[in-house]
Amino acid sequence: MNYVLALLLPPLSILLAGRPILAVVVFLFWLPAIIFSGGLGHPIFVLLAWIIIWQKQADRRAGL
């Protein structure tokens, strides 16, 4: 479910993955990137969100 949210709103997905400070930083870069580039930078933020979600799930599986 969080992977689908990462497609639409990567900062919110990162926030829900338990990284609030990183979510704020990503939001501060994501919003201007969407506005000024016409959405060209969006895939990079989606990839970042997917990596963070995958990392959280890996930590959960490992018991950390």
PDB file of N, CA and C in Angstrom:
ATOM      1  N   MET A   1       0.820  -1.195   0.000  1.00  0.00           N
ATOM      2  CA  MET A   1       0.000   0.000   0.000  1.00  0.00           C
ATOM      3  C   MET A   1       0.866   1.262   0.000  1.00  0.00           C
ATOM      4  N   ASN A   2       1.944   1.233   0.776  1.00  0.00           N
ATOM      5  CA  ASN A   2       2.814   2.396   0.862  1.00  0.00           C
ATOM      6  C   ASN A   2       3.564   2.615  -0.458  1.00  0.00           C
ATOM      7  N   TYR A   3       3.791   1.537  -1.223  1.00  0.00           N
ATOM      8  CA  TYR A   3       4.455   1.688  -2.510  1.00  0.00           C
ATOM      9  C   TYR A   3       3.577   2.473  -3.489  1.00  0.00           C
ATOM     10  N   VAL A   4       2.275   2.263  -3.445  1.00  0.00           N
ATOM     11  CA  VAL A   4       1.354   2.995  -4.309  1.00  0.00           C
ATOM     12  C   VAL A   4       1.309   4.467  -3.898  1.00  0.00           C
ATOM     13  N   LEU A   5       1.306   4.710  -2.604  1.00  0.00           N
ATOM     14  CA  LEU A   5       1.334   6.089  -2.115  1.00  0.00           C
ATOM     15  C   LEU A   5       2.619   6.793  -2.542  1.00  0.00           C
ATOM     16  N   ALA A   6       3.712   6.045  -2.606  1.00  0.00           N
ATOM     17  CA  ALA A   6       4.993   6.627  -3.028  1.00  0.00           C
ATOM     18  C   ALA A   6       4.946   7.109  -4.468  1.00  0.00           C
ATOM     19  N   LEU A   7       4.105   6.503  -5.288  1.00  0.00           N
ATOM     20  CA  LEU A   7       3.970   6.967  -6.669  1.00  0.00           C
ATOM     21  C   LEU A   7       3.335   8.351  -6.749  1.00  0.00           C
ATOM     22  N   LEU A   8       2.412   8.623  -5.847  1.00  0.00           N
ATOM     23  CA  LEU A   8       1.679   9.885  -5.896  1.00  0.00           C
ATOM     24  C   LEU A   8       2.300  10.973  -5.021  1.00  0.00           C
ATOM     25  N   LEU A   9       2.629  10.623  -3.785  1.00  0.00           N
ATOM     26  CA  LEU A   9       3.168  11.592  -2.824  1.00  0.00           C
ATOM     27  C   LEU A   9       4.375  10.999  -2.088  1.00  0.00           C
ATOM     28  N   PRO A  10       5.544  11.039  -2.687  1.00  0.00           N
ATOM     29  CA  PRO A  10       6.722  10.450  -2.047  1.00  0.00           C
ATOM     30  C   PRO A  10       7.032  10.995  -0.645  1.00  0.00           C
ATOM     31  N   PRO A  11       6.907  12.309  -0.381  1.00  0.00           N
ATOM     32  CA  PRO A  11       7.214  12.779   0.981  1.00  0.00           C
ATOM     33  C   PRO A  11       6.285  12.182   2.044  1.00  0.00           C
ATOM     34  N   LEU A  12       5.012  12.048   1.727  1.00  0.00           N
ATOM     35  CA  LEU A  12       4.076  11.451   2.680  1.00  0.00           C
ATOM     36  C   LEU A  12       4.400   9.981   2.913  1.00  0.00           C
ATOM     37  N   SER A  13       4.779   9.296   1.872  1.00  0.00           N
ATOM     38  CA  SER A  13       5.155   7.893   1.996  1.00  0.00           C
ATOM     39  C   SER A  13       6.387   7.733   2.880  1.00  0.00           C
ATOM     40  N   ILE A  14       7.354   8.618   2.724  1.00  0.00           N
ATOM     41  CA  ILE A  14       8.562   8.575   3.556  1.00  0.00           C
ATOM     42  C   ILE A  14       8.207   8.874   5.012  1.00  0.00           C
ATOM     43  N   LEU A  15       7.293   9.801   5.213  1.00  0.00           N
ATOM     44  CA  LEU A  15       6.835  10.117   6.573  1.00  0.00           C
ATOM     45  C   LEU A  15       6.184   8.897   7.219  1.00  0.00           C
ATOM     46  N   LEU A  16       5.355   8.195   6.478  1.00  0.00           N
ATOM     47  CA  LEU A  16       4.692   7.005   7.012  1.00  0.00           C
ATOM     48  C   LEU A  16       5.658   5.842   7.224  1.00  0.00           C
ATOM     49  N   ALA A  17       6.809   5.896   6.563  1.00  0.00           N
ATOM     50  CA  ALA A  17       7.827   4.869   6.754  1.00  0.00           C
ATOM     51  C   ALA A  17       8.650   5.129   8.010  1.00  0.00           C
ATOM     52  N   GLY A  18       8.373   6.226   8.700  1.00  0.00           N
ATOM     53  CA  GLY A  18       9.041   6.485   9.969  1.00  0.00           C
ATOM     54  C   GLY A  18      10.260   7.380   9.868  1.00  0.00           C
ATOM     55  N   ARG A  19      10.366   8.166   8.830  1.00  0.00           N
ATOM     56  CA  ARG A  19      11.493   9.076   8.664  1.00  0.00           C
ATOM     57  C   ARG A  19      10.981  10.518   8.533  1.00  0.00           C
ATOM     58  N   PRO A  20      10.542  11.140   9.638  1.00  0.00           N
ATOM     59  CA  PRO A  20       9.912  12.463   9.540  1.00  0.00           C
ATOM     60  C   PRO A  20      10.846  13.584   9.083  1.00  0.00           C
ATOM     61  N   ILE A  21      12.081  13.586   9.529  1.00  0.00           N
ATOM     62  CA  ILE A  21      13.002  14.659   9.137  1.00  0.00           C
ATOM     63  C   ILE A  21      13.345  14.545   7.658  1.00  0.00           C
ATOM     64  N   LEU A  22      13.590  13.329   7.201  1.00  0.00           N
ATOM     65  CA  LEU A  22      13.868  13.116   5.789  1.00  0.00           C
ATOM     66  C   LEU A  22      12.656  13.472   4.931  1.00  0.00           C
ATOM     67  N   ALA A  23      11.460  13.211   5.446  1.00  0.00           N
ATOM     68  CA  ALA A  23      10.245  13.555   4.710  1.00  0.00           C
ATOM     69  C   ALA A  23      10.130  15.063   4.512  1.00  0.00           C
ATOM     70  N   VAL A  24      10.478  15.836   5.520  1.00  0.00           N
ATOM     71  CA  VAL A  24      10.429  17.302   5.395  1.00  0.00           C
ATOM     72  C   VAL A  24      11.474  17.785   4.387  1.00  0.00           C
ATOM     73  N   VAL A  25      12.671  17.232   4.457  1.00  0.00           N
ATOM     74  CA  VAL A  25      13.732  17.622   3.525  1.00  0.00           C
ATOM     75  C   VAL A  25      13.342  17.264   2.093  1.00  0.00           C
ATOM     76  N   VAL A  26      12.811  16.061   1.900  1.00  0.00           N
ATOM     77  CA  VAL A  26      12.386  15.646   0.565  1.00  0.00           C
ATOM     78  C   VAL A  26      11.265  16.532   0.068  1.00  0.00           C
ATOM     79  N   PHE A  27      10.331  16.895   0.936  1.00  0.00           N
ATOM     80  CA  PHE A  27       9.240  17.772   0.524  1.00  0.00           C
ATOM     81  C   PHE A  27       9.768  19.121   0.048  1.00  0.00           C
ATOM     82  N   LEU A  28      10.768  19.650   0.752  1.00  0.00           N
ATOM     83  CA  LEU A  28      11.321  20.952   0.384  1.00  0.00           C
ATOM     84  C   LEU A  28      12.007  20.926  -0.980  1.00  0.00           C
ATOM     85  N   PHE A  29      12.523  19.769  -1.396  1.00  0.00           N
ATOM     86  CA  PHE A  29      13.132  19.642  -2.717  1.00  0.00           C
ATOM     87  C   PHE A  29      12.133  19.164  -3.763  1.00  0.00           C
ATOM     88  N   TRP A  30      11.170  18.334  -3.336  1.00  0.00           N
ATOM     89  CA  TRP A  30      10.209  17.716  -4.250  1.00  0.00           C
ATOM     90  C   TRP A  30       9.249  18.736  -4.839  1.00  0.00           C
ATOM     91  N   LEU A  31       8.716  19.611  -4.018  1.00  0.00           N
ATOM     92  CA  LEU A  31       7.735  20.577  -4.486  1.00  0.00           C
ATOM     93  C   LEU A  31       8.302  21.509  -5.565  1.00  0.00           C
ATOM     94  N   PRO A  32       9.455  22.144  -5.347  1.00  0.00           N
ATOM     95  CA  PRO A  32      10.004  22.968  -6.441  1.00  0.00           C
ATOM     96  C   PRO A  32      10.389  22.139  -7.670  1.00  0.00           C
ATOM     97  N   ALA A  33      10.829  20.914  -7.466  1.00  0.00           N
ATOM     98  CA  ALA A  33      11.180  20.071  -8.610  1.00  0.00           C
ATOM     99  C   ALA A  33       9.956  19.774  -9.462  1.00  0.00           C
ATOM    100  N   ILE A  34       8.815  19.556  -8.834  1.00  0.00           N
ATOM    101  CA  ILE A  34       7.575  19.308  -9.570  1.00  0.00           C
ATOM    102  C   ILE A  34       7.140  20.579 -10.308  1.00  0.00           C
ATOM    103  N   ILE A  35       7.227  21.709  -9.652  1.00  0.00           N
ATOM    104  CA  ILE A  35       6.754  22.964 -10.245  1.00  0.00           C
ATOM    105  C   ILE A  35       7.653  23.423 -11.393  1.00  0.00           C
ATOM    106  N   PHE A  36       8.964  23.450 -11.169  1.00  0.00           N
ATOM    107  CA  PHE A  36       9.861  24.039 -12.153  1.00  0.00           C
ATOM    108  C   PHE A  36      10.249  23.098 -13.288  1.00  0.00           C
ATOM    109  N   SER A  37      10.280  21.791 -13.033  1.00  0.00           N
ATOM    110  CA  SER A  37      10.698  20.875 -14.091  1.00  0.00           C
ATOM    111  C   SER A  37       9.516  20.239 -14.808  1.00  0.00           C
ATOM    112  N   GLY A  38       8.324  20.532 -14.376  1.00  0.00           N
ATOM    113  CA  GLY A  38       7.160  19.939 -15.013  1.00  0.00           C
ATOM    114  C   GLY A  38       6.989  18.471 -14.680  1.00  0.00           C
ATOM    115  N   GLY A  39       7.563  18.023 -13.579  1.00  0.00           N
ATOM    116  CA  GLY A  39       7.402  16.640 -13.150  1.00  0.00           C
ATOM    117  C   GLY A  39       8.546  15.729 -13.539  1.00  0.00           C
ATOM    118  N   LEU A  40       9.591  16.280 -14.161  1.00  0.00           N
ATOM    119  CA  LEU A  40      10.697  15.433 -14.609  1.00  0.00           C
ATOM    120  C   LEU A  40      11.512  14.855 -13.451  1.00  0.00           C
ATOM    121  N   GLY A  41      11.535  15.526 -12.318  1.00  0.00           N
ATOM    122  CA  GLY A  41      12.300  15.038 -11.172  1.00  0.00           C
ATOM    123  C   GLY A  41      11.533  14.072 -10.306  1.00  0.00           C
ATOM    124  N   HIS A  42      10.263  13.892 -10.577  1.00  0.00           N
ATOM    125  CA  HIS A  42       9.415  13.054  -9.739  1.00  0.00           C
ATOM    126  C   HIS A  42       9.893  11.597  -9.637  1.00  0.00           C
ATOM    127  N   PRO A  43      10.347  10.954 -10.705  1.00  0.00           N
ATOM    128  CA  PRO A  43      10.783   9.552 -10.585  1.00  0.00           C
ATOM    129  C   PRO A  43      11.932   9.332  -9.606  1.00  0.00           C
ATOM    130  N   ILE A  44      12.799  10.312  -9.450  1.00  0.00           N
ATOM    131  CA  ILE A  44      13.904  10.179  -8.507  1.00  0.00           C
ATOM    132  C   ILE A  44      13.376  10.097  -7.077  1.00  0.00           C
ATOM    133  N   PHE A  45      12.387  10.913  -6.758  1.00  0.00           N
ATOM    134  CA  PHE A  45      11.819  10.909  -5.418  1.00  0.00           C
ATOM    135  C   PHE A  45      10.998   9.648  -5.167  1.00  0.00           C
ATOM    136  N   VAL A  46      10.343   9.139  -6.201  1.00  0.00           N
ATOM    137  CA  VAL A  46       9.612   7.876  -6.076  1.00  0.00           C
ATOM    138  C   VAL A  46      10.597   6.752  -5.786  1.00  0.00           C
ATOM    139  N   LEU A  47      11.708   6.730  -6.498  1.00  0.00           N
ATOM    140  CA  LEU A  47      12.734   5.714  -6.263  1.00  0.00           C
ATOM    141  C   LEU A  47      13.285   5.808  -4.845  1.00  0.00           C
ATOM    142  N   LEU A  48      13.540   7.011  -4.368  1.00  0.00           N
ATOM    143  CA  LEU A  48      14.014   7.205  -2.997  1.00  0.00           C
ATOM    144  C   LEU A  48      12.999   6.677  -1.990  1.00  0.00           C
ATOM    145  N   ALA A  49      11.730   6.975  -2.202  1.00  0.00           N
ATOM    146  CA  ALA A  49      10.689   6.500  -1.285  1.00  0.00           C
ATOM    147  C   ALA A  49      10.609   4.984  -1.302  1.00  0.00           C
ATOM    148  N   TRP A  50      10.693   4.369  -2.474  1.00  0.00           N
ATOM    149  CA  TRP A  50      10.643   2.902  -2.556  1.00  0.00           C
ATOM    150  C   TRP A  50      11.821   2.261  -1.826  1.00  0.00           C
ATOM    151  N   ILE A  51      13.002   2.849  -1.953  1.00  0.00           N
ATOM    152  CA  ILE A  51      14.174   2.312  -1.251  1.00  0.00           C
ATOM    153  C   ILE A  51      13.983   2.404   0.256  1.00  0.00           C
ATOM    154  N   ILE A  52      13.459   3.520   0.731  1.00  0.00           N
ATOM    155  CA  ILE A  52      13.242   3.692   2.173  1.00  0.00           C
ATOM    156  C   ILE A  52      12.189   2.716   2.680  1.00  0.00           C
ATOM    157  N   ILE A  53      11.119   2.512   1.922  1.00  0.00           N
ATOM    158  CA  ILE A  53      10.077   1.556   2.325  1.00  0.00           C
ATOM    159  C   ILE A  53      10.649   0.150   2.358  1.00  0.00           C
ATOM    160  N   TRP A  54      11.425  -0.216   1.339  1.00  0.00           N
ATOM    161  CA  TRP A  54      12.027  -1.546   1.287  1.00  0.00           C
ATOM    162  C   TRP A  54      12.979  -1.745   2.464  1.00  0.00           C
ATOM    163  N   GLN A  55      13.746  -0.705   2.791  1.00  0.00           N
ATOM    164  CA  GLN A  55      14.685  -0.775   3.905  1.00  0.00           C
ATOM    165  C   GLN A  55      13.944  -0.971   5.232  1.00  0.00           C
ATOM    166  N   LYS A  56      12.820  -0.288   5.409  1.00  0.00           N
ATOM    167  CA  LYS A  56      12.041  -0.447   6.637  1.00  0.00           C
ATOM    168  C   LYS A  56      11.503  -1.866   6.755  1.00  0.00           C
ATOM    169  N   GLN A  57      11.022  -2.421   5.648  1.00  0.00           N
ATOM    170  CA  GLN A  57      10.501  -3.785   5.675  1.00  0.00           C
ATOM    171  C   GLN A  57      11.615  -4.791   5.924  1.00  0.00           C
ATOM    172  N   ALA A  58      12.804  -4.551   5.390  1.00  0.00           N
ATOM    173  CA  ALA A  58      13.945  -5.433   5.628  1.00  0.00           C
ATOM    174  C   ALA A  58      14.355  -5.399   7.098  1.00  0.00           C
ATOM    175  N   ASP A  59      14.319  -4.200   7.693  1.00  0.00           N
ATOM    176  CA  ASP A  59      14.637  -4.083   9.117  1.00  0.00           C
ATOM    177  C   ASP A  59      13.592  -4.815   9.967  1.00  0.00           C
ATOM    178  N   ARG A  60      12.354  -4.719   9.572  1.00  0.00           N
ATOM    179  CA  ARG A  60      11.281  -5.405  10.299  1.00  0.00           C
ATOM    180  C   ARG A  60      11.453  -6.919  10.204  1.00  0.00           C
ATOM    181  N   ARG A  61      11.819  -7.416   9.031  1.00  0.00           N
ATOM    182  CA  ARG A  61      12.028  -8.872   8.852  1.00  0.00           C
ATOM    183  C   ARG A  61      13.213  -9.358   9.664  1.00  0.00           C
ATOM    184  N   ALA A  62      14.244  -8.510   9.777  1.00  0.00           N
ATOM    185  CA  ALA A  62      15.443  -8.896  10.522  1.00  0.00           C
ATOM    186  C   ALA A  62      15.253  -8.744  12.023  1.00  0.00           C
ATOM    187  N   GLY A  63      14.172  -8.123  12.426  1.00  0.00           N
ATOM    188  CA  GLY A  63      13.900  -7.962  13.842  1.00  0.00           C
ATOM    189  C   GLY A  63      14.579  -6.772  14.476  1.00  0.00           C
ATOM    190  N   LEU A  64      14.963  -5.794  13.668  1.00  0.00           N
ATOM    191  CA  LEU A  64      15.657  -4.617  14.209  1.00  0.00           C
ATOM    192  C   LEU A  64      14.683  -3.554  14.598  1.00  0.00           C
TER     193      LEU A  64
END
